Amino acid sequence: MGRRLGLDKTLAWKVARFVEGADPVAAVRHMPGAGGVEIIVRAAEAQRVSGAILERVRLADRDLREFVSRHAGDRRAFEAMLSGELGGARNESDERRAYFRSGSALWGVRAKLQFLMLALAPSADRPGRLDAAQVSGFVDFERLRPDLPWIVRRLRAHSDSGADVYRVIRTPLVAERARRGLPPLFDAHCSQPAPELRQFERENGWVYDELAPVEPGRVGRAGAITVVLGERYMGALPMERSEDNAVGTYTLTVRTPVECVLFDLLLHRDLTHFGAPRRAVYGLLEDRPPAGDRPAPLIDAAPAADLGPAALVQTHRWDRYPKLVDDALALAGFAPRGQFRGYRAEVDYPTFPCDLKMELEIGPTALR
């Protein structure tokens, strides 16, 4: 068709996909623009196609565009209105990828990977409680503007009811940093020189970890860094089921434009009363009161990927990740990874700001 009508190959491809689509709703994504339709009509006219047919095409195109304008305002909004009917993973992925690119340009930051590994084990010092070890951070984090600090983590602990019933004591995994009261960078797994990080606290117990601004010569890929934080929380969580501890909810909050977010939850083999988690993604644009219903998820709840009884945490996203996990468990004084079952939630181009949640049922019978 492109050769016969003398069309640009991209335009010819769009026309072919549009006219051959079995589902007209899905075919809308391939509909040429107004200029493209007119190019096709004139090319057909040069091939002596009937003027009556060409006029029908022009009228149909005009009617459709008037319909789009009346009900959606513009083409992009129209496609968004149809997204529920389109329902394709590829369509959603394309939109999230475009959102990542726009967000990177507007906010001035981007990263290839944001990750969190959270390991839970019965506390050796506080019966009925859990010790937790976590490592989190960013791989290939870039600033696109030099004068830009960026908060890489926030932390606050609360019960099912939302009340701040205990305060988490954060201890850096790196002993020297713990001894000197320094922020919890995991130096051995950060890019070198180690990123500059500061920690501060605000109202309601929120604690923030913030990357300092960089010099003009360290923006973009030239200044890409890997920043890893590692901590242990002693007796941080209740282990046994109770009225306000029937569901374990663990959250990774995404506020940075990233190509992928990865969340691994490792459960010690003695936590047999902890069920297999489900993962879901919830948007944070809506300021819904805590007592209200949870907003509809951006990505519906589904079982988290099972990493097996000996937590196989390999990932093509970052080849150093398994070594990082093993080092973190060792520094926290936890058992080796082979004694943990693992679960993973992974999302490409998450729609920030959002919460990636892992939720599990806590059974009635706990380890005693």
Protein backbone atom coordinates (compact mmCIF):
# COMPACT_ATOMS: atom_id res chain seq x y z
CA MET A 1 0.00 0.00 0.00
CA GLY A 2 2.81 2.37 0.82
CA ARG A 3 4.49 1.78 -2.54
CA ARG A 4 1.25 1.97 -4.52
CA LEU A 5 0.11 5.24 -2.92
CA GLY A 6 3.56 6.71 -2.31
CA LEU A 7 3.00 6.94 1.47
CA ASP A 8 5.55 7.24 4.25
CA LYS A 9 6.02 3.74 5.67
CA THR A 10 4.96 4.81 9.18
CA LEU A 11 1.71 6.27 7.89
CA ALA A 12 1.09 3.19 5.75
CA TRP A 13 1.66 0.97 8.81
CA LYS A 14 -0.85 2.99 10.86
CA VAL A 15 -3.49 2.78 8.15
CA ALA A 16 -3.00 -0.98 7.78
CA ARG A 17 -3.28 -1.57 11.54
CA PHE A 18 -6.34 0.71 11.75
CA VAL A 19 -8.38 -0.78 8.90
CA GLU A 20 -7.48 -4.39 9.73
CA GLY A 21 -8.28 -4.11 13.45
CA ALA A 22 -11.05 -6.49 14.51
CA ASP A 23 -11.85 -4.34 17.55
CA PRO A 24 -12.64 -0.71 16.67
CA VAL A 25 -11.88 0.44 20.23
CA ALA A 26 -8.38 -1.02 20.09
CA ALA A 27 -7.91 0.27 16.54
CA VAL A 28 -8.26 3.87 17.72
CA ARG A 29 -4.63 3.81 18.88
CA HIS A 30 -3.54 3.45 15.24
CA MET A 31 -5.88 6.04 13.71
CA PRO A 32 -3.86 8.58 11.67
CA GLY A 33 -4.13 12.24 12.53
CA ALA A 34 -6.18 14.68 10.46
CA GLY A 35 -3.17 15.59 8.32
CA GLY A 36 -2.39 11.91 7.72
CA VAL A 37 -5.96 11.18 6.60
CA GLU A 38 -5.82 14.03 4.09
CA ILE A 39 -2.48 12.75 2.72
CA ILE A 40 -4.06 9.33 2.18
CA VAL A 41 -7.15 10.82 0.50
CA ARG A 42 -5.06 12.88 -1.92
CA ALA A 43 -2.83 9.91 -2.70
CA ALA A 44 -5.93 7.84 -3.45
CA GLU A 45 -7.29 10.67 -5.59
CA ALA A 46 -4.07 10.58 -7.65
CA GLN A 47 -4.80 6.89 -8.25
CA ARG A 48 -8.26 7.88 -9.61
CA VAL A 49 -10.28 6.55 -6.66
CA SER A 50 -13.93 7.65 -6.90
CA GLY A 51 -14.58 11.15 -5.56
CA ALA A 52 -17.70 9.87 -3.78
CA ILE A 53 -15.60 7.37 -1.79
CA LEU A 54 -13.06 10.04 -0.91
CA GLU A 55 -15.79 12.38 0.30
CA ARG A 56 -17.24 9.62 2.51
CA VAL A 57 -13.80 9.17 4.08
CA ARG A 58 -13.47 12.90 4.77
CA LEU A 59 -16.96 13.10 6.28
CA ALA A 60 -16.41 10.04 8.47
CA ASP A 61 -13.09 11.44 9.69
CA ARG A 62 -14.72 14.80 10.45
CA ASP A 63 -17.61 13.15 12.32
CA LEU A 64 -15.23 11.10 14.44
CA ARG A 65 -13.09 14.12 15.35
CA GLU A 66 -16.17 16.13 16.27
CA PHE A 67 -17.27 13.24 18.48
CA VAL A 68 -13.84 13.16 20.17
CA SER A 69 -13.87 16.93 20.69
CA ARG A 70 -17.38 16.90 22.15
CA HIS A 71 -16.85 14.05 24.61
CA ALA A 72 -13.12 14.22 25.44
CA GLY A 73 -11.70 17.51 24.23
CA ASP A 74 -8.67 16.00 22.49
CA ARG A 75 -7.28 12.76 21.14
CA ARG A 76 -5.13 11.94 24.19
CA ALA A 77 -8.05 12.33 26.58
CA PHE A 78 -10.23 10.21 24.26
CA GLU A 79 -7.72 7.36 24.33
CA ALA A 80 -7.50 7.65 28.12
CA MET A 81 -11.32 7.34 28.34
CA LEU A 82 -11.12 4.18 26.27
CA SER A 83 -8.29 2.70 28.31
CA GLY A 84 -10.68 0.66 30.42
CA GLU A 85 -12.04 -0.96 27.27
CA LEU A 86 -8.60 -1.31 25.73
CA GLY A 87 -7.39 -3.04 28.88
CA GLY A 88 -4.12 -4.08 27.28
CA ALA A 89 -0.96 -4.38 29.33
CA ARG A 90 1.04 -2.91 26.46
CA ASN A 91 -1.14 0.19 26.30
CA GLU A 92 -0.78 0.75 30.05
CA SER A 93 2.97 0.16 29.90
CA ASP A 94 3.34 2.72 27.10
CA GLU A 95 1.48 5.31 29.16
CA ARG A 96 3.57 4.65 32.26
CA ARG A 97 6.78 4.89 30.24
CA ALA A 98 5.68 8.27 28.83
CA TYR A 99 4.82 9.42 32.37
CA PHE A 100 8.31 8.43 33.54
CA ARG A 101 9.95 10.48 30.78
CA SER A 102 7.81 13.54 31.46
CA GLY A 103 8.27 13.25 35.22
CA SER A 104 12.03 12.95 34.86
CA ALA A 105 12.18 16.16 32.86
CA LEU A 106 9.87 18.08 35.20
CA TRP A 107 11.32 16.93 38.53
CA GLY A 108 14.92 16.76 37.36
CA VAL A 109 15.73 13.25 38.61
CA ARG A 110 15.51 9.67 37.37
CA ALA A 111 16.84 6.22 38.22
CA LYS A 112 17.02 2.79 36.64
CA LEU A 113 15.96 0.93 39.77
CA GLN A 114 14.45 1.59 43.19
CA PHE A 115 14.58 -1.43 45.48
CA LEU A 116 13.73 -2.60 48.98
CA MET A 117 14.63 -5.87 50.67
CA LEU A 118 12.90 -6.41 54.02
CA ALA A 119 13.76 -9.50 56.09
CA LEU A 120 11.73 -10.46 59.17
CA ALA A 121 12.78 -12.92 61.88
CA PRO A 122 11.73 -13.67 65.48
CA SER A 123 13.57 -11.41 67.90
CA ALA A 124 16.24 -13.12 69.97
CA ASP A 125 15.97 -10.50 72.73
CA ARG A 126 12.25 -9.63 72.83
CA PRO A 127 9.90 -12.62 72.75
CA GLY A 128 6.75 -12.03 70.75
CA ARG A 129 8.41 -9.38 68.59
CA LEU A 130 10.13 -9.33 65.22
CA ASP A 131 13.55 -8.06 64.31
CA ALA A 132 13.80 -6.58 60.84
CA ALA A 133 16.68 -5.94 58.48
CA GLN A 134 16.30 -3.86 55.38
CA VAL A 135 18.35 -2.53 52.52
CA SER A 136 16.94 -0.02 50.11
CA GLY A 137 18.02 2.58 47.62
CA PHE A 138 18.53 3.46 43.97
CA VAL A 139 20.70 2.14 41.16
CA ASP A 140 21.92 4.67 38.56
CA PHE A 141 20.21 7.63 40.20
CA GLU A 142 20.75 10.79 38.09
CA ARG A 143 20.13 14.46 38.79
CA LEU A 144 19.25 16.44 35.68
CA ARG A 145 19.70 19.72 37.60
CA PRO A 146 22.60 20.36 39.99
CA ASP A 147 20.83 22.43 42.66
CA LEU A 148 18.45 19.65 43.65
CA PRO A 149 18.42 17.78 46.97
CA TRP A 150 16.27 14.65 46.93
CA ILE A 151 14.65 12.67 49.72
CA VAL A 152 15.33 8.99 49.13
CA ARG A 153 13.49 7.53 52.13
CA ARG A 154 10.93 8.30 54.81
CA LEU A 155 10.14 6.06 57.77
CA ARG A 156 7.47 5.93 60.44
CA ALA A 157 6.00 2.95 62.30
CA HIS A 158 2.35 2.48 63.27
CA SER A 159 -0.21 -0.21 64.12
CA ASP A 160 -3.15 -1.45 62.02
CA SER A 161 -5.27 1.33 63.54
CA GLY A 162 -2.81 3.99 62.39
CA ALA A 163 -1.69 4.93 65.91
CA ASP A 164 2.02 5.45 66.62
CA VAL A 165 2.18 2.88 69.40
CA TYR A 166 5.94 2.39 69.43
CA ARG A 167 9.04 4.06 68.13
CA VAL A 168 11.38 2.14 65.87
CA ILE A 169 15.04 2.30 66.87
CA ARG A 170 17.04 2.46 63.65
CA THR A 171 20.54 0.99 63.80
CA PRO A 172 22.79 1.23 60.71
CA LEU A 173 24.00 -2.16 59.50
CA VAL A 174 27.54 -0.79 59.12
CA ALA A 175 28.98 -0.88 62.65
CA GLU A 176 31.25 2.15 62.15
CA ARG A 177 28.30 4.28 61.08
CA ALA A 178 26.26 3.08 64.06
CA ARG A 179 29.13 3.89 66.44
CA ARG A 180 29.60 7.40 65.06
CA GLY A 181 25.89 8.20 64.70
CA LEU A 182 26.14 8.63 60.92
CA PRO A 183 23.34 8.14 58.35
CA PRO A 184 22.83 4.47 57.43
CA LEU A 185 24.66 4.30 54.11
CA PHE A 186 25.80 0.80 53.16
CA ASP A 187 29.14 2.06 51.86
CA ALA A 188 30.43 -1.18 50.34
CA HIS A 189 27.50 -1.31 47.90
CA CYS A 190 27.29 2.40 47.07
CA SER A 191 29.05 4.01 44.14
CA GLN A 192 32.33 5.70 45.06
CA PRO A 193 32.90 8.24 46.37
CA ALA A 194 29.96 7.49 48.66
CA PRO A 195 26.97 9.80 48.16
CA GLU A 196 26.46 12.62 50.67
CA LEU A 197 23.39 11.87 52.77
CA ARG A 198 21.80 13.77 55.64
CA GLN A 199 19.09 12.62 58.03
CA PHE A 200 16.51 14.78 59.80
CA GLU A 201 13.25 14.35 61.72
CA ARG A 202 9.97 16.22 61.46
CA GLU A 203 6.62 16.14 63.24
CA ASN A 204 4.74 12.92 64.00
CA GLY A 205 7.91 10.85 64.10
CA TRP A 206 8.73 10.99 60.38
CA VAL A 207 12.46 10.57 59.70
CA TYR A 208 13.90 11.59 56.32
CA ASP A 209 17.05 10.57 54.45
CA GLU A 210 18.07 13.16 51.85
CA LEU A 211 20.71 13.23 49.14
CA ALA A 212 22.59 16.53 48.99
CA PRO A 213 22.71 18.62 45.77
CA VAL A 214 25.60 18.01 43.37
CA GLU A 215 27.96 20.23 41.43
CA PRO A 216 27.09 21.25 37.84
CA GLY A 217 29.60 18.79 36.42
CA ARG A 218 27.88 15.81 38.04
CA VAL A 219 24.47 15.98 36.42
CA GLY A 220 23.12 13.37 34.03
CA ARG A 221 24.97 10.13 33.37
CA ALA A 222 28.29 11.69 34.36
CA GLY A 223 26.97 11.95 37.90
CA ALA A 224 24.94 8.72 38.09
CA ILE A 225 25.22 7.15 41.53
CA THR A 226 24.11 4.03 43.34
CA VAL A 227 22.91 4.79 46.86
CA VAL A 228 22.20 1.96 49.30
CA LEU A 229 20.94 2.30 52.86
CA GLY A 230 20.95 -0.54 55.36
CA GLU A 231 19.48 -0.78 58.85
CA ARG A 232 18.36 -3.19 61.52
CA TYR A 233 15.26 -2.63 63.65
CA MET A 234 15.29 -4.43 66.99
CA GLY A 235 11.94 -5.78 68.23
CA ALA A 236 10.28 -3.47 65.77
CA LEU A 237 7.05 -5.35 65.05
CA PRO A 238 4.62 -7.60 66.92
CA MET A 239 4.95 -11.21 65.83
CA GLU A 240 1.73 -12.77 67.06
CA ARG A 241 -1.78 -12.25 65.81
CA SER A 242 -3.96 -9.87 67.80
CA GLU A 243 -7.01 -7.68 67.24
CA ASP A 244 -4.89 -4.89 65.79
CA ASN A 245 -2.26 -7.15 64.22
CA ALA A 246 -4.16 -9.53 61.98
CA VAL A 247 -2.61 -8.33 58.73
CA GLY A 248 1.02 -7.54 58.10
CA THR A 249 1.39 -4.63 55.68
CA TYR A 250 4.79 -3.65 54.34
CA THR A 251 5.16 -0.68 52.03
CA LEU A 252 7.65 0.69 49.55
CA THR A 253 6.75 4.27 48.65
CA VAL A 254 7.73 5.49 45.19
CA ARG A 255 8.14 9.26 44.78
CA THR A 256 10.96 9.24 42.22
CA PRO A 257 10.76 8.65 38.46
CA VAL A 258 12.22 5.15 38.10
CA GLU A 259 12.31 2.59 35.30
CA CYS A 260 11.58 -0.25 37.71
CA VAL A 261 10.71 -0.77 41.36
CA LEU A 262 11.56 -4.07 43.08
CA PHE A 263 10.40 -5.13 46.57
CA ASP A 264 11.53 -8.41 48.15
CA LEU A 265 10.01 -9.65 51.41
CA LEU A 266 11.98 -12.40 53.19
CA LEU A 267 10.30 -14.36 56.00
CA HIS A 268 12.29 -16.54 58.39
CA ARG A 269 11.31 -20.19 58.23
CA ASP A 270 10.05 -20.07 61.84
CA LEU A 271 7.31 -17.62 60.81
CA THR A 272 5.06 -20.43 59.65
CA HIS A 273 1.94 -18.52 60.73
CA PHE A 274 2.68 -15.75 58.24
CA GLY A 275 0.79 -16.34 55.00
CA ALA A 276 2.02 -15.75 51.45
CA PRO A 277 1.73 -12.04 50.64
CA ARG A 278 -0.24 -10.31 47.93
CA ARG A 279 1.01 -7.19 46.23
CA ALA A 280 -0.88 -4.14 45.00
CA VAL A 281 -0.07 -0.60 43.91
CA TYR A 282 -2.01 2.40 45.27
CA GLY A 283 -1.75 5.98 44.10
CA LEU A 284 -0.89 8.74 46.57
CA LEU A 285 -2.37 11.76 44.78
CA GLU A 286 -5.66 11.41 46.64
CA ASP A 287 -5.63 12.66 50.23
CA ARG A 288 -8.10 10.11 51.56
CA PRO A 289 -8.76 10.22 55.35
CA PRO A 290 -7.36 7.18 57.21
CA ALA A 291 -10.85 6.14 58.37
CA GLY A 292 -12.18 6.04 54.81
CA ASP A 293 -12.12 3.21 52.35
CA ARG A 294 -8.86 2.51 50.60
CA PRO A 295 -8.78 4.01 47.08
CA ALA A 296 -8.95 1.72 44.09
CA PRO A 297 -5.52 0.27 43.28
CA LEU A 298 -3.58 1.45 40.27
CA ILE A 299 -2.57 -2.18 39.80
CA ASP A 300 -4.93 -4.79 41.22
CA ALA A 301 -3.87 -7.05 44.06
CA ALA A 302 -2.32 -10.34 43.01
CA PRO A 303 -0.10 -12.96 44.66
CA ALA A 304 3.50 -11.82 44.98
CA ALA A 305 6.04 -13.83 42.99
CA ASP A 306 7.28 -16.78 45.06
CA LEU A 307 11.10 -16.83 45.29
CA GLY A 308 11.10 -20.25 46.91
CA PRO A 309 11.90 -21.61 50.39
CA ALA A 310 15.52 -20.50 50.05
CA ALA A 311 14.80 -17.02 48.64
CA LEU A 312 16.39 -16.91 45.19
CA VAL A 313 16.80 -13.15 44.84
CA GLN A 314 18.75 -12.97 41.56
CA THR A 315 17.60 -10.24 39.17
CA HIS A 316 18.80 -8.98 35.78
CA ARG A 317 18.16 -5.44 37.05
CA TRP A 318 21.33 -5.43 39.16
CA ASP A 319 23.85 -8.27 39.29
CA ARG A 320 25.21 -7.21 42.71
CA TYR A 321 21.83 -7.51 44.39
CA PRO A 322 22.16 -11.11 45.75
CA LYS A 323 25.54 -10.23 47.34
CA LEU A 324 23.95 -7.15 48.88
CA VAL A 325 21.15 -9.22 50.44
CA ASP A 326 23.58 -11.80 51.83
CA ASP A 327 25.84 -9.10 53.29
CA ALA A 328 22.87 -7.35 54.88
CA LEU A 329 21.61 -10.52 56.58
CA ALA A 330 25.10 -11.25 57.89
CA LEU A 331 25.65 -7.74 59.29
CA ALA A 332 22.21 -7.83 60.93
CA GLY A 333 23.13 -11.09 62.69
CA PHE A 334 20.37 -12.96 60.87
CA ALA A 335 20.44 -16.53 59.63
CA PRO A 336 21.70 -17.11 56.06
CA ARG A 337 19.33 -16.49 53.15
CA GLY A 338 18.69 -20.24 52.81
CA GLN A 339 16.57 -20.07 55.99
CA PHE A 340 14.18 -17.47 54.54
CA ARG A 341 11.32 -17.93 52.10
CA GLY A 342 11.04 -15.04 49.73
CA TYR A 343 8.40 -13.09 47.81
CA ARG A 344 8.84 -10.39 45.16
CA ALA A 345 6.79 -7.52 43.77
CA GLU A 346 8.20 -5.86 40.65
CA VAL A 347 6.70 -3.06 38.54
CA ASP A 348 8.08 -1.36 35.44
CA TYR A 349 7.63 2.41 35.24
CA PRO A 350 5.48 2.77 38.38
CA THR A 351 3.06 5.71 38.41
CA PHE A 352 4.64 7.87 41.11
CA PRO A 353 3.72 8.88 43.72
CA CYS A 354 2.45 5.48 44.76
CA ASP A 355 2.73 2.79 47.40
CA LEU A 356 3.80 -0.72 46.45
CA LYS A 357 2.34 -2.83 49.25
CA MET A 358 2.89 -6.39 50.36
CA GLU A 359 0.11 -7.66 52.62
CA LEU A 360 -0.22 -11.01 54.35
CA GLU A 361 -2.47 -12.72 56.86
CA ILE A 362 -1.00 -13.42 60.29
CA GLY A 363 -2.30 -16.77 61.46
CA PRO A 364 -3.73 -17.47 64.92
CA THR A 365 -0.89 -19.76 65.99
CA ALA A 366 2.47 -18.11 66.52
CA LEU A 367 5.87 -19.42 67.48
CA ARG A 368 6.29 -19.57 71.25
